[in-house]
Amino acid sequence: MAEMRLVVAGAGGRMGRTLVKAITESKEFSLVGALEDARSPLIGWDSGTLAGMPENGVKLVGDAAPLVSKADAIIDFTAPVATVAIAALVAKEGKIHIIGTTGLSPADETKIKDAAKRAVIVKSGNMSLGVNLLAALTKRVARTLDLSFDVEILEMHHNQKVDAPSGTALLLGRAAADGRGIELDKQSVKSREGHTGARKSGDIGFAALRGGSVVGEHSVIFAGPAERLELAHKAEDRMIFARGALHATRWARDQKAGLYSMMDVLGLKDF
């Protein structure tokens, strides 16, 4: 089978550089484009050099359209406004879009869902195998335990992360909500300050920590009467997200147009 031709969006960022390295080291994929914000001072730089490898001749550019047209898929860990724009281009070309972007608004989600009518889109708040297995376990535990067990989600990331709660924390929150048959948006508490009163039964709470160079740590706590169950995942290297994204890209090659998640990719949808 021929190599899949990939474009990395946000190729100048930490995750983008990791993706460039992962693609270069793989025998199944080839890097045909590196996209960055047109205002970035990194435009024109060699993506291989930025990733700490020898030059590969793929320069960072600011125009997505020509890159999407010559690629089989684009892997996108950028920002909501960029992701929505890329999704529209991918839909027009009928290509594959792997989305790891977090902080998407309901309006953004609607636009991506619409784009998935004409393209294969795999979107996840976290691409790692471990986190998605954690989400599946969270759903199962939430389904099993009754409301006497309060659910709290704790996450910590590096000091440059701009959104909170993290996309992974929200992924885990949705898994817990699905397990309990409730809507997360209606029963989540994403911040606490001052005199908040007693905790409401059935709510799913979030707490976000930021500091240092932490790649990502997440815990789902089920706190019940006289006992507590904790499920946790610690990411030590961004390469786990890159490998997951490439796994999703490989899987997406054989799918029909639609919006998918890593649960679909890993066969955990009905776990």
Protein backbone atom coordinates (compact mmCIF):
# COMPACT_ATOMS: atom_id res chain seq x y z
CA MET A 1 0.00 0.00 0.00
CA ALA A 2 1.30 3.46 -0.94
CA GLU A 3 2.53 5.85 1.72
CA MET A 4 -0.09 8.29 2.96
CA ARG A 5 0.83 11.89 2.19
CA LEU A 6 0.41 14.00 5.32
CA VAL A 7 0.32 17.68 6.21
CA VAL A 8 1.03 18.82 9.75
CA ALA A 9 -0.89 21.92 10.85
CA GLY A 10 0.84 23.92 13.57
CA ALA A 11 4.17 22.43 12.50
CA GLY A 12 6.12 25.09 14.41
CA GLY A 13 4.59 24.22 17.79
CA ARG A 14 5.68 21.58 20.27
CA MET A 15 3.09 19.06 19.16
CA GLY A 16 3.63 19.88 15.50
CA ARG A 17 7.37 19.29 15.75
CA THR A 18 6.72 15.96 17.47
CA LEU A 19 4.38 14.96 14.64
CA VAL A 20 6.98 15.87 12.02
CA LYS A 21 9.48 13.63 13.80
CA ALA A 22 6.99 10.76 14.11
CA ILE A 23 6.06 10.94 10.42
CA THR A 24 9.71 11.05 9.39
CA GLU A 25 10.47 7.95 11.44
CA SER A 26 7.51 6.02 9.98
CA LYS A 27 7.62 3.93 6.81
CA GLU A 28 3.86 4.28 6.21
CA PHE A 29 3.64 8.06 5.85
CA SER A 30 5.38 10.87 4.03
CA LEU A 31 5.38 14.54 5.00
CA VAL A 32 4.25 16.71 2.07
CA GLY A 33 3.41 19.92 3.90
CA ALA A 34 3.99 21.92 7.08
CA LEU A 35 1.43 24.59 7.93
CA GLU A 36 1.76 27.45 10.41
CA ASP A 37 -0.04 30.71 11.13
CA ALA A 38 0.81 33.12 8.30
CA ARG A 39 1.96 35.69 10.89
CA SER A 40 4.43 33.30 12.52
CA PRO A 41 8.13 34.23 12.39
CA LEU A 42 8.79 30.56 11.61
CA ILE A 43 7.33 30.79 8.11
CA GLY A 44 9.99 29.61 5.67
CA TRP A 45 11.85 27.50 8.22
CA ASP A 46 12.57 23.86 7.44
CA SER A 47 10.23 21.58 9.42
CA GLY A 48 12.90 18.94 9.87
CA THR A 49 15.31 21.42 11.41
CA LEU A 50 12.61 22.67 13.78
CA ALA A 51 11.93 19.06 14.84
CA GLY A 52 15.59 18.57 15.73
CA MET A 53 16.41 16.47 12.67
CA PRO A 54 18.27 17.01 9.39
CA GLU A 55 16.62 19.31 6.85
CA ASN A 56 13.79 17.61 4.97
CA GLY A 57 13.01 20.32 2.43
CA VAL A 58 9.45 20.81 3.72
CA LYS A 59 9.21 24.48 4.65
CA LEU A 60 6.60 26.02 6.91
CA VAL A 61 3.99 27.95 4.92
CA GLY A 62 0.93 29.98 5.87
CA ASP A 63 -1.54 28.98 3.12
CA ALA A 64 -3.42 25.75 3.83
CA ALA A 65 -5.31 25.34 0.54
CA PRO A 66 -2.41 24.17 -1.70
CA LEU A 67 -1.23 21.75 0.98
CA VAL A 68 -4.62 20.14 1.54
CA SER A 69 -5.13 19.61 -2.20
CA LYS A 70 -1.95 17.52 -2.54
CA ALA A 71 -2.28 15.51 0.67
CA ASP A 72 -4.27 12.46 1.74
CA ALA A 73 -4.71 13.76 5.28
CA ILE A 74 -3.93 16.69 7.55
CA ILE A 75 -3.12 16.29 11.23
CA ASP A 76 -4.19 19.33 13.19
CA PHE A 77 -3.20 20.26 16.76
CA THR A 78 -3.71 24.03 16.45
CA ALA A 79 -6.32 26.54 17.62
CA PRO A 80 -10.11 26.53 17.15
CA VAL A 81 -10.24 29.25 14.48
CA ALA A 82 -7.59 27.49 12.41
CA THR A 83 -9.15 24.06 12.86
CA VAL A 84 -12.57 25.22 11.67
CA ALA A 85 -11.02 26.83 8.59
CA ILE A 86 -9.02 23.68 7.81
CA ALA A 87 -12.13 21.51 8.25
CA ALA A 88 -13.91 23.54 5.56
CA LEU A 89 -10.98 23.04 3.16
CA VAL A 90 -10.77 19.33 3.93
CA ALA A 91 -14.51 18.94 3.31
CA LYS A 92 -14.19 20.70 -0.05
CA GLU A 93 -11.41 18.33 -1.10
CA GLY A 94 -12.91 15.21 0.53
CA LYS A 95 -9.73 14.44 2.47
CA ILE A 96 -9.00 13.14 5.99
CA HIS A 97 -8.76 15.51 8.96
CA ILE A 98 -7.31 14.34 12.29
CA ILE A 99 -8.15 16.91 14.97
CA GLY A 100 -6.39 17.11 18.33
CA THR A 101 -7.29 20.77 18.88
CA THR A 102 -8.97 21.60 22.20
CA GLY A 103 -10.99 24.59 23.40
CA LEU A 104 -13.57 24.29 20.59
CA SER A 105 -16.84 26.15 21.16
CA PRO A 106 -20.29 24.66 20.49
CA ALA A 107 -20.41 26.73 17.28
CA ASP A 108 -17.02 25.31 16.25
CA GLU A 109 -18.23 21.79 16.94
CA THR A 110 -21.28 22.38 14.74
CA LYS A 111 -19.11 23.55 11.82
CA ILE A 112 -16.83 20.52 12.17
CA LYS A 113 -19.83 18.19 12.28
CA ASP A 114 -21.10 19.78 9.07
CA ALA A 115 -17.70 19.37 7.39
CA ALA A 116 -17.73 15.67 8.32
CA LYS A 117 -20.62 15.13 5.90
CA ARG A 118 -18.04 15.35 3.11
CA ALA A 119 -14.81 14.30 4.81
CA VAL A 120 -13.46 11.71 7.23
CA ILE A 121 -12.82 13.57 10.48
CA VAL A 122 -11.40 11.95 13.60
CA LYS A 123 -11.57 14.34 16.56
CA SER A 124 -10.43 13.71 20.11
CA GLY A 125 -9.38 15.76 23.11
CA ASN A 126 -6.56 13.25 23.48
CA MET A 127 -5.09 10.86 20.94
CA SER A 128 -3.22 8.51 23.28
CA LEU A 129 -4.26 4.88 23.69
CA GLY A 130 -3.93 5.08 27.48
CA VAL A 131 -6.19 8.11 27.90
CA ASN A 132 -8.90 6.66 25.68
CA LEU A 133 -8.81 3.40 27.60
CA LEU A 134 -9.07 5.51 30.77
CA ALA A 135 -12.16 7.18 29.31
CA ALA A 136 -13.73 3.81 28.57
CA LEU A 137 -13.02 2.64 32.13
CA THR A 138 -14.43 5.91 33.50
CA LYS A 139 -17.67 5.36 31.61
CA ARG A 140 -17.96 1.79 32.88
CA VAL A 141 -17.24 2.73 36.51
CA ALA A 142 -19.67 5.67 36.39
CA ARG A 143 -22.35 3.34 35.04
CA THR A 144 -21.68 0.84 37.82
CA LEU A 145 -21.50 3.13 40.89
CA ASP A 146 -24.51 5.00 42.19
CA LEU A 147 -24.84 8.71 43.05
CA SER A 148 -23.37 8.18 46.51
CA PHE A 149 -20.03 8.35 44.66
CA ASP A 150 -19.09 11.91 43.71
CA VAL A 151 -17.05 12.34 40.52
CA GLU A 152 -14.14 14.80 40.45
CA ILE A 153 -11.62 15.22 37.63
CA LEU A 154 -8.18 16.67 38.35
CA GLU A 155 -5.74 17.67 35.61
CA MET A 156 -2.33 19.31 35.42
CA HIS A 157 -0.47 20.71 32.41
CA HIS A 158 2.53 22.89 31.58
CA ASN A 159 2.43 26.62 32.23
CA GLN A 160 1.88 27.54 28.58
CA LYS A 161 -1.46 25.76 28.14
CA VAL A 162 -4.20 28.26 27.31
CA ASP A 163 -7.47 26.39 27.89
CA ALA A 164 -8.96 24.91 31.06
CA PRO A 165 -10.33 22.42 31.79
CA SER A 166 -8.18 20.55 29.31
CA GLY A 167 -9.70 18.76 26.36
CA THR A 168 -8.74 15.48 27.99
CA ALA A 169 -10.45 16.41 31.25
CA LEU A 170 -13.62 17.21 29.30
CA LEU A 171 -13.27 13.93 27.42
CA LEU A 172 -13.19 12.10 30.75
CA GLY A 173 -16.06 14.19 32.06
CA ARG A 174 -18.20 13.27 29.07
CA ALA A 175 -17.33 9.62 29.61
CA ALA A 176 -18.52 9.82 33.23
CA ALA A 177 -21.66 11.69 32.17
CA ASP A 178 -22.41 9.11 29.47
CA GLY A 179 -21.99 6.34 32.02
CA ARG A 180 -24.54 8.00 34.27
CA GLY A 181 -26.90 8.96 31.46
CA ILE A 182 -26.70 12.71 32.12
CA GLU A 183 -25.67 15.79 30.14
CA LEU A 184 -22.25 17.06 31.18
CA ASP A 185 -23.04 20.69 30.32
CA LYS A 186 -25.97 20.66 32.73
CA GLN A 187 -24.21 18.89 35.61
CA SER A 188 -20.61 20.04 35.60
CA VAL A 189 -18.79 22.40 37.95
CA LYS A 190 -15.68 23.79 36.28
CA SER A 191 -14.56 26.19 39.00
CA ARG A 192 -15.12 26.75 42.70
CA GLU A 193 -14.42 29.88 44.69
CA GLY A 194 -15.75 31.48 47.84
CA HIS A 195 -18.77 30.21 49.76
CA THR A 196 -20.06 27.62 47.29
CA GLY A 197 -22.35 25.72 49.61
CA ALA A 198 -22.54 21.93 49.82
CA ARG A 199 -21.68 19.87 46.76
CA LYS A 200 -24.74 18.93 44.68
CA SER A 201 -25.31 15.23 44.24
CA GLY A 202 -24.68 14.07 40.69
CA ASP A 203 -22.43 16.96 39.66
CA ILE A 204 -19.13 16.25 37.93
CA GLY A 205 -16.40 18.56 39.20
CA PHE A 206 -13.22 19.76 37.51
CA ALA A 207 -9.98 21.18 38.89
CA ALA A 208 -7.09 22.46 36.74
CA LEU A 209 -3.46 22.91 37.76
CA ARG A 210 -0.81 24.65 35.63
CA GLY A 211 2.95 24.67 36.11
CA GLY A 212 6.37 23.80 34.81
CA SER A 213 6.73 21.50 31.82
CA VAL A 214 4.11 18.86 32.71
CA VAL A 215 2.97 17.12 29.51
CA GLY A 216 -0.34 16.01 30.99
CA GLU A 217 -1.68 14.29 34.10
CA HIS A 218 -5.32 13.34 34.65
CA SER A 219 -7.17 11.64 37.50
CA VAL A 220 -10.82 10.65 37.74
CA ILE A 221 -11.86 10.35 41.38
CA PHE A 222 -14.97 8.49 42.50
CA ALA A 223 -15.39 9.52 46.15
CA GLY A 224 -17.99 7.52 48.04
CA PRO A 225 -18.92 6.82 51.66
CA ALA A 226 -15.72 5.64 53.41
CA GLU A 227 -13.95 4.68 50.18
CA ARG A 228 -12.46 6.30 47.11
CA LEU A 229 -11.59 4.92 43.68
CA GLU A 230 -9.05 6.78 41.50
CA LEU A 231 -8.25 6.19 37.83
CA ALA A 232 -5.20 8.03 36.52
CA HIS A 233 -3.01 8.59 33.48
CA LYS A 234 0.34 10.40 33.24
CA ALA A 235 1.81 11.41 29.89
CA GLU A 236 5.62 11.56 29.88
CA ASP A 237 6.27 12.39 26.22
CA ARG A 238 4.21 14.08 23.48
CA MET A 239 5.20 11.26 21.15
CA ILE A 240 2.32 9.18 22.56
CA PHE A 241 -0.13 11.70 21.09
CA ALA A 242 1.69 11.69 17.75
CA ARG A 243 1.61 7.90 17.57
CA GLY A 244 -2.08 7.93 18.40
CA ALA A 245 -2.76 10.52 15.69
CA LEU A 246 -0.91 8.40 13.12
CA HIS A 247 -2.85 5.34 14.23
CA ALA A 248 -6.08 7.31 13.69
CA THR A 249 -4.87 8.44 10.26
CA ARG A 250 -4.16 4.86 9.24
CA TRP A 251 -7.62 3.78 10.42
CA ALA A 252 -9.38 6.71 8.73
CA ARG A 253 -8.04 5.70 5.33
CA ASP A 254 -10.70 2.97 5.04
CA GLN A 255 -13.66 4.89 6.45
CA LYS A 256 -16.58 6.70 4.85
CA ALA A 257 -17.18 10.41 5.42
CA GLY A 258 -18.28 11.08 8.99
CA LEU A 259 -17.24 12.37 12.40
CA TYR A 260 -15.36 9.83 14.48
CA SER A 261 -13.50 9.70 17.80
CA MET A 262 -10.58 7.70 19.13
CA MET A 263 -13.18 5.42 20.72
CA ASP A 264 -14.19 4.43 17.18
CA VAL A 265 -10.56 4.03 16.12
CA LEU A 266 -9.73 1.77 19.08
CA GLY A 267 -12.99 -0.20 19.05
CA LEU A 268 -13.98 1.08 22.49
CA LYS A 269 -17.28 2.73 21.52
CA ASP A 270 -19.45 0.13 23.22
CA PHE A 271 -17.09 -0.82 26.06
